[in-house]
């Protein structure tokens, strides 16, 4: 009876581990492909060159808008130590003319200009308004899809939603790995090369780090 009970308990845990293993693997499959491919491209970034595409826009805000901005500058600098979002009317001006969304972005305000940095995955952008004459400039740099996916890998300028995705993906990967380890343990008796292979997966990177990384 004891042996039969042990077999049922083993079968139950093996089934449970397999369920958790396949569910977690399904959740993180696409993420593993993305991070695996971009891990390779990041490791060979020097050999994979991308030519940046730079787009520049120039304009001039109208006199009433410029006057309102000049009147607000001193108050904003005093209240926010020189860092605040663009006023709604300036946001609308930029959105209507150049289709650039600046909502929620914090700009740097000085006596003579407003400067807004707009970093994003796969490129950068910035906006500058001269308070002296109303001249406004916008420049966008696009480094291509490869750079975009590399930045997703690093979580560079990707926002809160992608940060949450990385955390959830990391948790799913841990579940996938840990359940895989327990499944290996339960099958190790019939597969003698199990632990030597697991050990190699640990020893090889440790040796490489100790011997070749200084």
N, C-alpha and C. Protein backbone atom coordinates (compact mmCIF):
# COMPACT_ATOMS: atom_id res chain seq x y z
N UNK A 1 0.82 -1.21 0.00
CA UNK A 1 0.00 0.00 0.00
C UNK A 1 0.85 1.26 0.00
N UNK A 2 1.95 1.18 0.77
CA UNK A 2 2.83 2.34 0.86
C UNK A 2 3.42 2.68 -0.50
N UNK A 3 3.83 1.64 -1.24
CA UNK A 3 4.40 1.89 -2.56
C UNK A 3 3.37 2.47 -3.51
N UNK A 4 2.13 1.97 -3.44
CA UNK A 4 1.07 2.49 -4.31
C UNK A 4 0.76 3.95 -3.97
N UNK A 5 0.77 4.29 -2.68
CA UNK A 5 0.52 5.67 -2.26
C UNK A 5 1.63 6.59 -2.74
N UNK A 6 2.87 6.11 -2.66
CA UNK A 6 4.01 6.92 -3.13
C UNK A 6 3.92 7.16 -4.64
N UNK A 7 3.48 6.14 -5.38
CA UNK A 7 3.36 6.28 -6.83
C UNK A 7 2.27 7.29 -7.20
N UNK A 8 1.15 7.23 -6.44
CA UNK A 8 0.07 8.19 -6.72
C UNK A 8 0.53 9.62 -6.40
N UNK A 9 1.26 9.76 -5.29
CA UNK A 9 1.75 11.09 -4.92
C UNK A 9 2.74 11.60 -5.96
N UNK A 10 3.61 10.72 -6.42
CA UNK A 10 4.58 11.12 -7.45
C UNK A 10 3.87 11.50 -8.74
N UNK A 11 2.86 10.72 -9.13
CA UNK A 11 2.12 11.00 -10.36
C UNK A 11 1.39 12.34 -10.24
N UNK A 12 0.84 12.63 -9.05
CA UNK A 12 0.13 13.90 -8.84
C UNK A 12 1.08 15.08 -9.01
N UNK A 13 2.25 15.03 -8.34
CA UNK A 13 3.19 16.14 -8.41
C UNK A 13 3.79 16.29 -9.81
N UNK A 14 4.01 15.14 -10.47
CA UNK A 14 4.54 15.22 -11.83
C UNK A 14 3.53 15.87 -12.77
N UNK A 15 2.27 15.51 -12.63
CA UNK A 15 1.23 16.12 -13.46
C UNK A 15 1.11 17.62 -13.17
N UNK A 16 1.15 17.99 -11.88
CA UNK A 16 1.06 19.40 -11.50
C UNK A 16 2.23 20.20 -12.05
N UNK A 17 3.43 19.63 -11.93
CA UNK A 17 4.62 20.31 -12.45
C UNK A 17 4.54 20.49 -13.96
N UNK A 18 4.06 19.46 -14.66
CA UNK A 18 3.94 19.56 -16.12
C UNK A 18 2.93 20.65 -16.50
N UNK A 19 1.83 20.75 -15.74
CA UNK A 19 0.84 21.78 -16.04
C UNK A 19 1.42 23.18 -15.86
N UNK A 20 2.10 23.40 -14.73
CA UNK A 20 2.72 24.71 -14.48
C UNK A 20 3.82 24.99 -15.51
N UNK A 21 4.52 23.93 -15.90
CA UNK A 21 5.62 24.07 -16.84
C UNK A 21 5.12 24.50 -18.22
N UNK A 22 4.09 23.83 -18.72
CA UNK A 22 3.63 24.17 -20.08
C UNK A 22 2.89 25.50 -20.10
N UNK A 23 2.17 25.83 -19.02
CA UNK A 23 1.48 27.12 -18.99
C UNK A 23 2.49 28.27 -18.97
N UNK A 24 3.50 28.14 -18.10
CA UNK A 24 4.51 29.20 -18.02
C UNK A 24 5.32 29.29 -19.30
N UNK A 25 5.58 28.13 -19.94
CA UNK A 25 6.33 28.16 -21.20
C UNK A 25 5.52 28.83 -22.30
N UNK A 26 4.21 28.58 -22.31
CA UNK A 26 3.35 29.23 -23.31
C UNK A 26 3.32 30.74 -23.11
N UNK A 27 3.29 31.18 -21.84
CA UNK A 27 3.24 32.61 -21.54
C UNK A 27 4.52 33.33 -21.95
N UNK A 28 5.65 32.67 -21.79
CA UNK A 28 6.91 33.37 -22.04
C UNK A 28 7.58 32.95 -23.35
N UNK A 29 6.89 32.16 -24.20
CA UNK A 29 7.49 31.67 -25.43
C UNK A 29 7.93 32.82 -26.35
N UNK A 30 7.00 33.73 -26.67
CA UNK A 30 7.32 34.83 -27.58
C UNK A 30 8.38 35.74 -26.95
N UNK A 31 8.25 35.97 -25.64
CA UNK A 31 9.24 36.79 -24.96
C UNK A 31 10.62 36.17 -25.00
N UNK A 32 10.71 34.85 -24.84
CA UNK A 32 12.00 34.17 -24.91
C UNK A 32 12.61 34.29 -26.31
N UNK A 33 11.77 34.17 -27.33
CA UNK A 33 12.27 34.35 -28.70
C UNK A 33 12.79 35.77 -28.90
N UNK A 34 12.02 36.76 -28.44
CA UNK A 34 12.43 38.16 -28.57
C UNK A 34 13.73 38.42 -27.83
N UNK A 35 13.81 38.00 -26.58
CA UNK A 35 15.01 38.27 -25.79
C UNK A 35 16.19 37.44 -26.26
N UNK A 36 15.93 36.24 -26.79
CA UNK A 36 17.03 35.43 -27.32
C UNK A 36 17.64 36.05 -28.57
N UNK A 37 16.78 36.47 -29.49
CA UNK A 37 17.26 37.08 -30.74
C UNK A 37 17.97 38.40 -30.46
N UNK A 38 17.34 39.25 -29.64
CA UNK A 38 17.95 40.55 -29.36
C UNK A 38 19.19 40.42 -28.47
N UNK A 39 19.27 39.34 -27.69
CA UNK A 39 20.51 39.09 -26.96
C UNK A 39 21.67 38.88 -27.93
N UNK A 40 21.39 38.16 -29.03
CA UNK A 40 22.42 37.94 -30.06
C UNK A 40 22.77 39.25 -30.76
N UNK A 41 21.74 40.02 -31.15
CA UNK A 41 22.01 41.26 -31.88
C UNK A 41 22.72 42.29 -31.00
N UNK A 42 22.40 42.32 -29.72
CA UNK A 42 23.10 43.24 -28.81
C UNK A 42 24.55 42.81 -28.63
N UNK A 43 24.79 41.51 -28.58
CA UNK A 43 26.16 41.02 -28.41
C UNK A 43 27.02 41.33 -29.62
N UNK A 44 26.38 41.51 -30.79
CA UNK A 44 27.10 41.80 -32.03
C UNK A 44 26.73 43.18 -32.58
N UNK A 45 26.42 44.09 -31.67
CA UNK A 45 25.98 45.43 -32.10
C UNK A 45 27.04 46.14 -32.93
N UNK A 46 28.32 45.87 -32.63
CA UNK A 46 29.39 46.52 -33.38
C UNK A 46 29.47 46.05 -34.82
N UNK A 47 29.05 44.80 -35.09
CA UNK A 47 29.11 44.27 -36.45
C UNK A 47 27.82 44.55 -37.24
N UNK A 48 26.73 44.83 -36.52
CA UNK A 48 25.46 45.09 -37.19
C UNK A 48 25.21 46.60 -37.13
N UNK A 49 25.55 47.28 -38.20
CA UNK A 49 25.45 48.74 -38.20
C UNK A 49 24.10 49.19 -38.76
N UNK A 50 23.61 50.26 -38.18
CA UNK A 50 22.36 50.86 -38.66
C UNK A 50 22.60 52.33 -38.95
N UNK A 51 22.08 52.80 -40.08
CA UNK A 51 22.25 54.19 -40.45
C UNK A 51 21.06 55.00 -39.92
N UNK A 52 21.31 55.93 -39.00
CA UNK A 52 20.20 56.70 -38.43
C UNK A 52 19.54 57.59 -39.48
N UNK A 53 18.23 57.69 -39.39
CA UNK A 53 17.46 58.58 -40.24
C UNK A 53 17.01 59.77 -39.40
N UNK A 54 17.47 60.96 -39.77
CA UNK A 54 17.18 62.17 -38.99
C UNK A 54 16.17 63.03 -39.74
N UNK A 55 15.10 63.40 -39.04
CA UNK A 55 14.06 64.26 -39.59
C UNK A 55 14.02 65.54 -38.76
N UNK A 56 14.11 66.68 -39.43
CA UNK A 56 14.11 67.98 -38.73
C UNK A 56 12.92 68.81 -39.20
N UNK A 57 12.28 69.47 -38.26
CA UNK A 57 11.16 70.36 -38.56
C UNK A 57 11.43 71.73 -37.93
N UNK A 58 11.02 72.77 -38.62
CA UNK A 58 11.21 74.13 -38.12
C UNK A 58 9.90 74.90 -38.26
N UNK A 59 9.66 75.80 -37.34
CA UNK A 59 8.46 76.61 -37.41
C UNK A 59 8.57 77.82 -36.50
N UNK A 60 7.46 78.53 -36.39
CA UNK A 60 7.43 79.71 -35.52
C UNK A 60 6.03 79.82 -34.93
N UNK A 61 5.98 79.90 -33.60
CA UNK A 61 4.68 80.03 -32.94
C UNK A 61 4.16 81.44 -33.14
N UNK A 62 2.84 81.59 -33.11
CA UNK A 62 2.25 82.91 -33.32
C UNK A 62 2.49 83.80 -32.10
N UNK A 63 2.38 85.12 -32.32
CA UNK A 63 2.71 86.11 -31.28
C UNK A 63 1.88 85.96 -30.01
N UNK A 64 0.55 85.74 -30.09
CA UNK A 64 -0.21 85.58 -28.84
C UNK A 64 0.24 84.39 -28.00
N UNK A 65 0.51 83.27 -28.64
CA UNK A 65 0.98 82.09 -27.91
C UNK A 65 2.34 82.37 -27.29
N UNK A 66 3.23 83.00 -28.03
CA UNK A 66 4.55 83.32 -27.50
C UNK A 66 4.44 84.26 -26.30
N UNK A 67 3.55 85.23 -26.37
CA UNK A 67 3.37 86.16 -25.25
C UNK A 67 2.88 85.43 -24.00
N UNK A 68 1.97 84.48 -24.18
CA UNK A 68 1.48 83.71 -23.03
C UNK A 68 2.60 82.87 -22.42
N UNK A 69 3.42 82.28 -23.27
CA UNK A 69 4.54 81.46 -22.78
C UNK A 69 5.54 82.32 -22.01
N UNK A 70 5.86 83.49 -22.54
CA UNK A 70 6.79 84.39 -21.86
C UNK A 70 6.25 84.80 -20.49
N UNK A 71 4.93 85.04 -20.43
CA UNK A 71 4.33 85.44 -19.16
C UNK A 71 4.34 84.31 -18.14
N UNK A 72 4.28 83.07 -18.61
CA UNK A 72 4.24 81.92 -17.71
C UNK A 72 5.62 81.46 -17.25
N UNK A 73 6.65 81.83 -18.01
CA UNK A 73 7.98 81.26 -17.78
C UNK A 73 8.49 81.51 -16.36
N UNK A 74 8.45 82.74 -15.92
CA UNK A 74 8.98 83.06 -14.59
C UNK A 74 8.23 82.31 -13.49
N UNK A 75 6.91 82.26 -13.60
CA UNK A 75 6.10 81.56 -12.59
C UNK A 75 6.40 80.07 -12.59
N UNK A 76 6.49 79.47 -13.79
CA UNK A 76 6.75 78.03 -13.88
C UNK A 76 8.13 77.69 -13.33
N UNK A 77 9.12 78.50 -13.67
CA UNK A 77 10.47 78.24 -13.19
C UNK A 77 10.54 78.33 -11.67
N UNK A 78 9.84 79.28 -11.10
CA UNK A 78 9.85 79.46 -9.65
C UNK A 78 9.11 78.33 -8.95
N UNK A 79 7.97 77.91 -9.53
CA UNK A 79 7.14 76.91 -8.88
C UNK A 79 7.66 75.49 -9.06
N UNK A 80 8.36 75.21 -10.18
CA UNK A 80 8.75 73.83 -10.49
C UNK A 80 10.26 73.64 -10.62
N UNK A 81 11.03 74.66 -10.26
CA UNK A 81 12.49 74.61 -10.38
C UNK A 81 12.93 74.35 -11.83
N UNK A 82 12.16 74.90 -12.77
CA UNK A 82 12.56 74.85 -14.17
C UNK A 82 12.19 73.60 -14.91
N UNK A 83 11.35 72.73 -14.31
CA UNK A 83 10.95 71.51 -15.00
C UNK A 83 9.44 71.35 -14.90
N UNK A 84 8.77 71.37 -16.05
CA UNK A 84 7.31 71.25 -16.08
C UNK A 84 6.87 70.84 -17.47
N UNK A 85 5.66 70.30 -17.56
CA UNK A 85 5.10 69.91 -18.85
C UNK A 85 4.80 71.15 -19.69
N UNK A 86 4.72 70.96 -20.99
CA UNK A 86 4.36 72.06 -21.87
C UNK A 86 2.91 72.47 -21.62
N UNK A 87 2.60 73.75 -21.71
CA UNK A 87 1.21 74.19 -21.56
C UNK A 87 0.33 73.56 -22.64
N UNK A 88 -0.96 73.35 -22.35
CA UNK A 88 -1.85 72.69 -23.31
C UNK A 88 -1.89 73.35 -24.68
N UNK A 89 -1.84 74.69 -24.73
CA UNK A 89 -1.91 75.34 -26.04
C UNK A 89 -0.67 75.07 -26.88
N UNK A 90 0.50 74.97 -26.24
CA UNK A 90 1.71 74.62 -26.97
C UNK A 90 1.70 73.15 -27.37
N UNK A 91 1.20 72.28 -26.50
CA UNK A 91 1.05 70.87 -26.86
C UNK A 91 0.17 70.72 -28.09
N UNK A 92 -0.93 71.46 -28.13
CA UNK A 92 -1.84 71.39 -29.28
C UNK A 92 -1.17 71.89 -30.54
N UNK A 93 -0.38 72.96 -30.43
CA UNK A 93 0.33 73.52 -31.58
C UNK A 93 1.26 72.47 -32.19
N UNK A 94 2.03 71.81 -31.33
CA UNK A 94 2.98 70.81 -31.81
C UNK A 94 2.25 69.60 -32.39
N UNK A 95 1.17 69.18 -31.75
CA UNK A 95 0.43 68.01 -32.22
C UNK A 95 -0.22 68.26 -33.57
N UNK A 96 -0.81 69.44 -33.74
CA UNK A 96 -1.50 69.75 -34.99
C UNK A 96 -0.55 69.88 -36.17
N UNK A 97 0.62 70.44 -35.95
CA UNK A 97 1.52 70.70 -37.07
C UNK A 97 2.45 69.53 -37.38
N UNK A 98 2.93 68.86 -36.34
CA UNK A 98 3.94 67.82 -36.56
C UNK A 98 3.52 66.43 -36.06
N UNK A 99 2.28 66.31 -35.56
CA UNK A 99 1.77 65.03 -35.06
C UNK A 99 2.67 64.45 -33.97
N UNK A 100 3.17 65.32 -33.10
CA UNK A 100 4.04 64.91 -32.00
C UNK A 100 3.27 65.04 -30.70
N UNK A 101 3.17 63.94 -29.97
CA UNK A 101 2.45 63.95 -28.70
C UNK A 101 3.43 64.24 -27.56
N UNK A 102 3.22 65.35 -26.87
CA UNK A 102 4.12 65.74 -25.77
C UNK A 102 3.42 65.68 -24.42
N UNK A 103 2.21 65.11 -24.37
CA UNK A 103 1.45 65.06 -23.13
C UNK A 103 2.20 64.26 -22.07
N UNK A 104 2.26 64.80 -20.88
CA UNK A 104 2.90 64.11 -19.77
C UNK A 104 4.41 64.16 -19.76
N UNK A 105 5.02 64.78 -20.77
CA UNK A 105 6.47 64.88 -20.84
C UNK A 105 6.94 66.16 -20.14
N UNK A 106 8.02 66.06 -19.39
CA UNK A 106 8.53 67.19 -18.62
C UNK A 106 9.62 67.91 -19.39
N UNK A 107 9.42 69.22 -19.58
CA UNK A 107 10.39 70.04 -20.32
C UNK A 107 11.25 70.85 -19.35
N UNK A 108 12.37 71.34 -19.88
CA UNK A 108 13.26 72.20 -19.10
C UNK A 108 13.02 73.65 -19.53
N UNK A 109 12.68 74.50 -18.56
CA UNK A 109 12.38 75.90 -18.82
C UNK A 109 13.53 76.78 -18.34
N UNK A 110 14.01 77.64 -19.22
CA UNK A 110 15.03 78.62 -18.84
C UNK A 110 14.53 80.00 -19.25
N UNK A 111 15.34 81.03 -19.01
CA UNK A 111 14.91 82.39 -19.33
C UNK A 111 14.67 82.59 -20.82
N UNK A 112 15.43 81.89 -21.65
CA UNK A 112 15.36 82.17 -23.09
C UNK A 112 14.83 81.02 -23.94
N UNK A 113 14.59 79.84 -23.34
CA UNK A 113 14.09 78.74 -24.18
C UNK A 113 13.39 77.68 -23.34
N UNK A 114 12.61 76.86 -24.06
CA UNK A 114 11.99 75.67 -23.49
C UNK A 114 12.54 74.48 -24.28
N UNK A 115 13.08 73.50 -23.55
CA UNK A 115 13.69 72.35 -24.22
C UNK A 115 13.01 71.08 -23.70
N UNK A 116 12.59 70.23 -24.62
CA UNK A 116 11.92 68.99 -24.25
C UNK A 116 12.62 67.81 -24.92
N UNK A 117 13.13 66.89 -24.11
CA UNK A 117 13.75 65.67 -24.63
C UNK A 117 12.67 64.60 -24.77
N UNK A 118 12.67 63.91 -25.91
CA UNK A 118 11.66 62.90 -26.22
C UNK A 118 12.30 61.57 -26.61
N UNK A 119 13.04 60.96 -25.70
CA UNK A 119 13.66 59.66 -26.03
C UNK A 119 12.60 58.59 -26.21
N UNK A 120 12.92 57.59 -27.03
CA UNK A 120 11.98 56.50 -27.31
C UNK A 120 12.78 55.28 -27.75
N UNK A 121 12.16 54.10 -27.75
CA UNK A 121 12.87 52.92 -28.23
C UNK A 121 13.23 53.06 -29.70
N UNK A 122 14.45 52.74 -30.04
CA UNK A 122 14.88 52.78 -31.43
C UNK A 122 15.24 54.16 -31.94
N UNK A 123 15.32 55.13 -31.08
CA UNK A 123 15.68 56.47 -31.55
C UNK A 123 15.55 57.51 -30.46
N UNK A 124 15.68 58.75 -30.86
CA UNK A 124 15.58 59.87 -29.94
C UNK A 124 14.89 61.03 -30.66
N UNK A 125 14.46 62.01 -29.87
CA UNK A 125 13.87 63.21 -30.44
C UNK A 125 13.98 64.33 -29.41
N UNK A 126 13.90 65.55 -29.90
CA UNK A 126 13.90 66.70 -28.99
C UNK A 126 13.15 67.85 -29.63
N UNK A 127 12.67 68.74 -28.77
CA UNK A 127 11.92 69.91 -29.19
C UNK A 127 12.48 71.12 -28.46
N UNK A 128 12.72 72.21 -29.19
CA UNK A 128 13.26 73.41 -28.57
C UNK A 128 12.50 74.64 -29.08
N UNK A 129 12.08 75.47 -28.13
CA UNK A 129 11.39 76.71 -28.47
C UNK A 129 12.18 77.89 -27.92
N UNK A 130 12.52 78.81 -28.79
CA UNK A 130 13.20 80.04 -28.38
C UNK A 130 12.16 81.06 -27.93
N UNK A 131 12.26 81.51 -26.70
CA UNK A 131 11.32 82.50 -26.18
C UNK A 131 11.63 83.91 -26.68
N UNK A 132 12.80 84.08 -27.29
CA UNK A 132 13.18 85.41 -27.78
C UNK A 132 12.44 85.76 -29.07
N UNK A 133 12.30 84.76 -29.97
CA UNK A 133 11.69 85.07 -31.27
C UNK A 133 10.59 84.09 -31.69
N UNK A 134 10.31 83.07 -30.84
CA UNK A 134 9.24 82.13 -31.16
C UNK A 134 9.63 81.03 -32.12
N UNK A 135 10.91 80.98 -32.50
CA UNK A 135 11.37 79.91 -33.39
C UNK A 135 11.31 78.57 -32.65
N UNK A 136 10.75 77.56 -33.31
CA UNK A 136 10.62 76.25 -32.69
C UNK A 136 11.21 75.19 -33.61
N UNK A 137 11.95 74.25 -33.02
CA UNK A 137 12.61 73.19 -33.78
C UNK A 137 12.23 71.84 -33.20
N UNK A 138 12.08 70.87 -34.08
CA UNK A 138 11.84 69.49 -33.67
C UNK A 138 12.73 68.59 -34.51
N UNK A 139 13.46 67.70 -33.83
CA UNK A 139 14.34 66.77 -34.53
C UNK A 139 14.10 65.36 -34.01
N UNK A 140 13.94 64.44 -34.95
CA UNK A 140 13.68 63.03 -34.61
C UNK A 140 14.71 62.15 -35.28
N UNK A 141 15.33 61.26 -34.51
CA UNK A 141 16.31 60.31 -35.03
C UNK A 141 15.75 58.90 -34.93
N UNK A 142 15.71 58.21 -36.06
CA UNK A 142 15.19 56.84 -36.11
C UNK A 142 16.33 55.91 -36.48
N UNK A 143 16.64 54.97 -35.61
CA UNK A 143 17.76 54.05 -35.85
C UNK A 143 17.30 52.68 -36.36
N UNK A 144 16.05 52.55 -36.70
CA UNK A 144 15.57 51.33 -37.35
C UNK A 144 14.97 50.32 -36.38
N UNK A 145 14.37 49.26 -37.00
CA UNK A 145 13.66 48.25 -36.22
C UNK A 145 14.59 47.44 -35.33
N UNK A 146 15.79 47.20 -35.78
CA UNK A 146 16.73 46.42 -34.96
C UNK A 146 17.04 47.15 -33.66
N UNK A 147 17.30 48.43 -33.78
CA UNK A 147 17.55 49.25 -32.59
C UNK A 147 16.32 49.30 -31.70
N UNK A 148 15.15 49.34 -32.33
CA UNK A 148 13.89 49.36 -31.58
C UNK A 148 13.77 48.12 -30.69
N UNK A 149 13.98 46.95 -31.28
CA UNK A 149 13.85 45.71 -30.51
C UNK A 149 14.98 45.56 -29.49
N UNK A 150 16.17 46.05 -29.82
CA UNK A 150 17.25 46.03 -28.83
C UNK A 150 16.89 46.87 -27.62
N UNK A 151 16.26 48.03 -27.84
CA UNK A 151 15.85 48.87 -26.73
C UNK A 151 14.73 48.22 -25.91
N UNK A 152 13.85 47.48 -26.58
CA UNK A 152 12.84 46.72 -25.83
C UNK A 152 13.51 45.70 -24.91
N UNK A 153 14.56 45.06 -25.41
CA UNK A 153 15.31 44.11 -24.60
C UNK A 153 15.86 44.77 -23.34
N UNK A 154 16.38 45.98 -23.49
CA UNK A 154 16.99 46.70 -22.37
C UNK A 154 15.99 47.47 -21.53
N UNK A 155 14.75 47.59 -22.02
CA UNK A 155 13.76 48.40 -21.32
C UNK A 155 14.09 49.88 -21.39
N UNK A 156 14.75 50.31 -22.45
CA UNK A 156 15.19 51.71 -22.58
C UNK A 156 14.06 52.59 -23.11
N UNK A 157 13.65 53.54 -22.30
CA UNK A 157 12.63 54.51 -22.70
C UNK A 157 11.36 53.84 -23.19
N UNK A 158 10.93 52.80 -22.51
CA UNK A 158 9.78 52.01 -22.98
C UNK A 158 8.50 52.27 -22.18
N UNK A 159 8.58 52.98 -21.07
CA UNK A 159 7.39 53.30 -20.32
C UNK A 159 7.00 52.24 -19.30
N UNK A 160 5.98 52.58 -18.52
CA UNK A 160 5.58 51.73 -17.39
C UNK A 160 4.98 50.40 -17.83
N UNK A 161 4.16 50.43 -18.90
CA UNK A 161 3.50 49.20 -19.34
C UNK A 161 4.52 48.12 -19.73
N UNK A 162 5.56 48.52 -20.48
CA UNK A 162 6.58 47.54 -20.87
C UNK A 162 7.40 47.08 -19.67
N UNK A 163 7.60 47.97 -18.72
CA UNK A 163 8.30 47.59 -17.49
C UNK A 163 7.54 46.50 -16.74
N UNK A 164 6.21 46.64 -16.69
CA UNK A 164 5.39 45.60 -16.07
C UNK A 164 5.47 44.30 -16.86
N UNK A 165 5.48 44.40 -18.19
CA UNK A 165 5.60 43.19 -19.00
C UNK A 165 6.91 42.44 -18.70
N UNK A 166 8.00 43.18 -18.59
CA UNK A 166 9.29 42.54 -18.30
C UNK A 166 9.24 41.83 -16.95
N UNK A 167 8.63 42.47 -15.94
CA UNK A 167 8.53 41.84 -14.62
C UNK A 167 7.70 40.56 -14.68
N UNK A 168 6.56 40.62 -15.37
CA UNK A 168 5.70 39.44 -15.48
C UNK A 168 6.39 38.34 -16.29
N UNK A 169 7.06 38.74 -17.37
CA UNK A 169 7.80 37.78 -18.19
C UNK A 169 8.91 37.11 -17.36
N UNK A 170 9.63 37.90 -16.55
CA UNK A 170 10.69 37.33 -15.71
C UNK A 170 10.11 36.33 -14.71
N UNK A 171 8.95 36.65 -14.13
CA UNK A 171 8.33 35.73 -13.18
C UNK A 171 7.91 34.43 -13.88
N UNK A 172 7.33 34.55 -15.09
CA UNK A 172 6.92 33.35 -15.84
C UNK A 172 8.13 32.50 -16.21
N UNK A 173 9.24 33.17 -16.54
CA UNK A 173 10.46 32.44 -16.89
C UNK A 173 11.01 31.70 -15.68
N UNK A 174 10.93 32.31 -14.50
CA UNK A 174 11.37 31.64 -13.28
C UNK A 174 10.52 30.40 -13.00
N UNK A 175 9.20 30.54 -13.17
CA UNK A 175 8.31 29.38 -12.98
C UNK A 175 8.66 28.29 -13.97
N UNK A 176 8.87 28.66 -15.23
CA UNK A 176 9.24 27.72 -16.28
C UNK A 176 10.54 26.98 -15.92
N UNK A 177 11.53 27.73 -15.45
CA UNK A 177 12.84 27.14 -15.13
C UNK A 177 12.77 26.25 -13.89
N UNK A 178 12.10 26.73 -12.85
CA UNK A 178 12.06 25.97 -11.59
C UNK A 178 11.24 24.70 -11.75
N UNK A 179 10.09 24.78 -12.44
CA UNK A 179 9.31 23.56 -12.66
C UNK A 179 10.09 22.59 -13.55
N UNK A 180 10.83 23.14 -14.52
CA UNK A 180 11.67 22.28 -15.35
C UNK A 180 12.72 21.55 -14.53
N UNK A 181 13.28 22.25 -13.55
CA UNK A 181 14.29 21.64 -12.68
C UNK A 181 13.69 20.49 -11.88
N UNK A 182 12.49 20.70 -11.34
CA UNK A 182 11.86 19.63 -10.56
C UNK A 182 11.46 18.46 -11.45
N UNK A 183 11.03 18.74 -12.68
CA UNK A 183 10.71 17.65 -13.61
C UNK A 183 11.97 16.85 -13.93
N UNK A 184 13.08 17.55 -14.12
CA UNK A 184 14.35 16.85 -14.34
C UNK A 184 14.68 15.95 -13.16
N UNK A 185 14.48 16.48 -11.95
CA UNK A 185 14.77 15.70 -10.74
C UNK A 185 13.94 14.42 -10.69
N UNK A 186 12.67 14.53 -11.07
CA UNK A 186 11.80 13.37 -10.99
C UNK A 186 12.10 12.33 -12.06
N UNK A 187 12.72 12.77 -13.17
CA UNK A 187 13.08 11.83 -14.24
C UNK A 187 14.55 11.43 -14.20
N UNK A 188 15.32 12.04 -13.30
CA UNK A 188 16.77 11.84 -13.31
C UNK A 188 17.18 10.39 -13.09
N UNK A 189 16.36 9.62 -12.36
CA UNK A 189 16.71 8.22 -12.10
C UNK A 189 16.82 7.40 -13.36
N UNK A 190 16.04 7.74 -14.37
CA UNK A 190 16.06 6.99 -15.63
C UNK A 190 16.90 7.68 -16.71
N UNK A 191 17.46 8.83 -16.38
CA UNK A 191 18.25 9.58 -17.35
C UNK A 191 19.57 9.99 -16.70
N UNK A 192 20.58 9.16 -16.78
CA UNK A 192 21.82 9.38 -16.03
C UNK A 192 22.58 10.65 -16.41
N UNK A 193 22.34 11.18 -17.59
CA UNK A 193 23.08 12.38 -18.01
C UNK A 193 22.41 13.68 -17.55
N UNK A 194 21.31 13.57 -16.81
CA UNK A 194 20.56 14.77 -16.41
C UNK A 194 21.42 15.73 -15.62
N UNK A 195 21.98 15.28 -14.50
CA UNK A 195 22.71 16.20 -13.61
C UNK A 195 24.05 16.64 -14.19
N UNK A 196 24.79 15.77 -14.91
CA UNK A 196 25.99 16.28 -15.58
C UNK A 196 25.68 17.42 -16.56
N UNK A 197 24.56 17.32 -17.29
CA UNK A 197 24.20 18.39 -18.22
C UNK A 197 23.80 19.67 -17.49
N UNK A 198 23.05 19.50 -16.40
CA UNK A 198 22.68 20.68 -15.59
C UNK A 198 23.94 21.31 -15.01
N UNK A 199 24.85 20.46 -14.54
CA UNK A 199 26.11 20.99 -13.98
C UNK A 199 26.93 21.74 -15.02
N UNK A 200 26.95 21.24 -16.25
CA UNK A 200 27.68 21.94 -17.31
C UNK A 200 27.08 23.33 -17.57
N UNK A 201 25.76 23.40 -17.49
CA UNK A 201 25.11 24.69 -17.68
C UNK A 201 25.48 25.71 -16.64
N UNK A 202 25.92 25.24 -15.47
CA UNK A 202 26.38 26.14 -14.41
C UNK A 202 27.88 26.38 -14.47
N UNK A 203 28.63 25.31 -14.68
CA UNK A 203 30.09 25.40 -14.62
C UNK A 203 30.67 26.20 -15.78
N UNK A 204 30.15 26.00 -17.00
CA UNK A 204 30.72 26.67 -18.17
C UNK A 204 30.69 28.19 -18.05
N UNK A 205 29.53 28.84 -17.75
CA UNK A 205 29.57 30.30 -17.61
C UNK A 205 30.42 30.78 -16.45
N UNK A 206 30.49 29.99 -15.36
CA UNK A 206 31.33 30.38 -14.23
C UNK A 206 32.80 30.37 -14.63
N UNK A 207 33.22 29.32 -15.33
CA UNK A 207 34.61 29.24 -15.78
C UNK A 207 34.96 30.37 -16.76
N UNK A 208 34.05 30.63 -17.69
CA UNK A 208 34.28 31.71 -18.65
C UNK A 208 34.42 33.05 -17.92
N UNK A 209 33.57 33.28 -16.92
CA UNK A 209 33.65 34.54 -16.18
C UNK A 209 34.96 34.65 -15.41
N UNK A 210 35.39 33.55 -14.79
CA UNK A 210 36.62 33.58 -13.98
C UNK A 210 37.88 33.67 -14.83
N UNK A 211 37.87 33.00 -16.00
CA UNK A 211 39.09 32.90 -16.80
C UNK A 211 39.23 34.01 -17.84
N UNK A 212 38.13 34.51 -18.38
CA UNK A 212 38.24 35.40 -19.52
C UNK A 212 37.65 36.80 -19.32
N UNK A 213 36.97 37.02 -18.18
CA UNK A 213 36.38 38.34 -17.92
C UNK A 213 37.17 38.99 -16.78
N UNK A 214 37.84 40.06 -17.09
CA UNK A 214 38.66 40.73 -16.07
C UNK A 214 38.35 42.21 -16.05
